[in-house]
Amino acid sequence: MDGSASNDASNMILETRQALYLQRLRYGAEKITPQLVLGWATKGSAQLLGRTDIGELAVGKQADLAFFKLDELRFSGSHDPLSALLLCGADRADRVMVGGQWRVIDGQVEGLDIKQLIADHR
């Protein structure tokens, strides 16, 4: 079971962080690095889904990107941007590109009326 039935947040960064922490309990921080877990979340997830068009930045793949601001105080103690992203509480992308098109700019979904969406779901 996956999706909102098992997790109401549907936040890939928080899920990746949880995977990192859970696997570190068993295998230790030396073996379970942010780089390894990012690979699970990207290329590993694509392989699990049988998708060859996503999961990595390469010619011929989808241009799916997410950018996060790491300039808040909570990120200041980390010297590695990936560690900061996964371990210091990043939870919202500043910019997101899906299939080569910007879908989120300055933290806002392009072309989406959030107030109307909330009203429709009440």
Foldseek 3Di string as FASTA:
>chain_A
DDDCVVPVQPFLLQVLLVVLVVVCVPVNDVVRDLVVSLQCSAVVVCVVVVHPQTRDDDPNHFPWDFAADQPDPLQVVDPDPSCSSNPRDTGATQWIDTRNHTQHHRRRGPPDDVVVVVVVVD
